[in-house]
């Protein structure tokens, strides 16, 4: 029997929220940039990596550990 790791699931959910929040904040700040396209490409990459890591955390948390 395996038990889920709730801490990893919560950390993954928080990381998703932070990634979306960072993207939204930078989306509103992009028009003030000298190169908004490059800025949003970088922000999208960073947010994508954060979401990927969060999904891995959630999956590992759901798999859990042996009791």
C-alpha atoms as a PDB file:
ATOM      1  CA  UNK A   1       0.000   0.000   0.000  1.00  0.00           C
ATOM      2  CA  UNK A   2       1.221   3.504  -0.773  1.00  0.00           C
ATOM      3  CA  UNK A   3       0.407   6.743   0.984  1.00  0.00           C
ATOM      4  CA  UNK A   4       0.281  10.019  -0.907  1.00  0.00           C
ATOM      5  CA  UNK A   5       2.733  12.760  -0.009  1.00  0.00           C
ATOM      6  CA  UNK A   6       0.534  15.761   0.643  1.00  0.00           C
ATOM      7  CA  UNK A   7       3.448  18.181   1.080  1.00  0.00           C
ATOM      8  CA  UNK A   8       4.697  17.584  -2.453  1.00  0.00           C
ATOM      9  CA  UNK A   9       1.207  18.009  -3.895  1.00  0.00           C
ATOM     10  CA  UNK A  10       0.712  21.306  -2.065  1.00  0.00           C
ATOM     11  CA  UNK A  11       4.162  22.517  -3.171  1.00  0.00           C
ATOM     12  CA  UNK A  12       3.284  21.665  -6.772  1.00  0.00           C
ATOM     13  CA  UNK A  13      -0.005  23.546  -6.597  1.00  0.00           C
ATOM     14  CA  UNK A  14       1.705  26.583  -5.065  1.00  0.00           C
ATOM     15  CA  UNK A  15       4.343  26.509  -7.799  1.00  0.00           C
ATOM     16  CA  UNK A  16       1.600  26.499 -10.456  1.00  0.00           C
ATOM     17  CA  UNK A  17      -0.037  29.504  -8.796  1.00  0.00           C
ATOM     18  CA  UNK A  18       3.306  31.328  -8.632  1.00  0.00           C
ATOM     19  CA  UNK A  19       4.053  30.565 -12.292  1.00  0.00           C
ATOM     20  CA  UNK A  20       0.691  31.869 -13.470  1.00  0.00           C
ATOM     21  CA  UNK A  21       0.983  34.911 -11.212  1.00  0.00           C
ATOM     22  CA  UNK A  22       4.478  35.708 -12.508  1.00  0.00           C
ATOM     23  CA  UNK A  23       3.254  35.426 -16.093  1.00  0.00           C
ATOM     24  CA  UNK A  24       0.283  37.715 -15.394  1.00  0.00           C
ATOM     25  CA  UNK A  25       2.421  40.345 -13.662  1.00  0.00           C
ATOM     26  CA  UNK A  26       4.973  40.348 -16.453  1.00  0.00           C
ATOM     27  CA  UNK A  27       2.212  40.481 -19.073  1.00  0.00           C
ATOM     28  CA  UNK A  28       1.080  43.782 -17.621  1.00  0.00           C
ATOM     29  CA  UNK A  29       4.683  45.053 -17.460  1.00  0.00           C
ATOM     30  CA  UNK A  30       5.633  44.021 -21.012  1.00  0.00           C
ATOM     31  CA  UNK A  31       4.375  47.149 -22.848  1.00  0.00           C
ATOM     32  CA  UNK A  32       6.892  49.264 -20.893  1.00  0.00           C
ATOM     33  CA  UNK A  33       9.814  47.113 -22.056  1.00  0.00           C
ATOM     34  CA  UNK A  34      12.095  48.034 -24.944  1.00  0.00           C
ATOM     35  CA  UNK A  35      11.620  44.555 -26.463  1.00  0.00           C
ATOM     36  CA  UNK A  36       8.306  43.120 -25.279  1.00  0.00           C
ATOM     37  CA  UNK A  37       8.481  40.081 -27.570  1.00  0.00           C
ATOM     38  CA  UNK A  38      11.788  38.853 -26.182  1.00  0.00           C
ATOM     39  CA  UNK A  39      10.651  39.607 -22.644  1.00  0.00           C
ATOM     40  CA  UNK A  40       7.494  37.535 -23.010  1.00  0.00           C
ATOM     41  CA  UNK A  41       9.418  34.667 -24.645  1.00  0.00           C
ATOM     42  CA  UNK A  42      11.719  34.550 -21.634  1.00  0.00           C
ATOM     43  CA  UNK A  43       8.843  34.871 -19.174  1.00  0.00           C
ATOM     44  CA  UNK A  44       6.951  32.114 -20.986  1.00  0.00           C
ATOM     45  CA  UNK A  45       9.968  29.820 -20.807  1.00  0.00           C
ATOM     46  CA  UNK A  46      10.436  30.443 -17.094  1.00  0.00           C
ATOM     47  CA  UNK A  47       6.735  29.925 -16.383  1.00  0.00           C
ATOM     48  CA  UNK A  48       6.722  26.762 -18.473  1.00  0.00           C
ATOM     49  CA  UNK A  49       9.656  25.313 -16.561  1.00  0.00           C
ATOM     50  CA  UNK A  50       7.964  26.157 -13.257  1.00  0.00           C
ATOM     51  CA  UNK A  51       4.763  24.437 -14.391  1.00  0.00           C
ATOM     52  CA  UNK A  52       6.690  21.386 -15.582  1.00  0.00           C
ATOM     53  CA  UNK A  53       8.455  21.057 -12.250  1.00  0.00           C
ATOM     54  CA  UNK A  54       5.151  21.497 -10.428  1.00  0.00           C
ATOM     55  CA  UNK A  55       3.494  18.754 -12.462  1.00  0.00           C
ATOM     56  CA  UNK A  56       6.366  16.401 -11.656  1.00  0.00           C
ATOM     57  CA  UNK A  57       6.005  17.252  -7.958  1.00  0.00           C
ATOM     58  CA  UNK A  58       2.279  16.546  -8.071  1.00  0.00           C
ATOM     59  CA  UNK A  59       2.727  13.217  -9.854  1.00  0.00           C
ATOM     60  CA  UNK A  60       5.459  12.099  -7.449  1.00  0.00           C
ATOM     61  CA  UNK A  61       3.279  13.195  -4.528  1.00  0.00           C
ATOM     62  CA  UNK A  62       0.339  11.214  -5.850  1.00  0.00           C
ATOM     63  CA  UNK A  63       2.470   8.112  -6.377  1.00  0.00           C
ATOM     64  CA  UNK A  64       3.546   8.391  -2.759  1.00  0.00           C
ATOM     65  CA  UNK A  65       5.806   6.190  -0.739  1.00  0.00           C
ATOM     66  CA  UNK A  66       5.558   2.684   0.628  1.00  0.00           C
ATOM     67  CA  UNK A  67       4.084   2.406   4.096  1.00  0.00           C
END
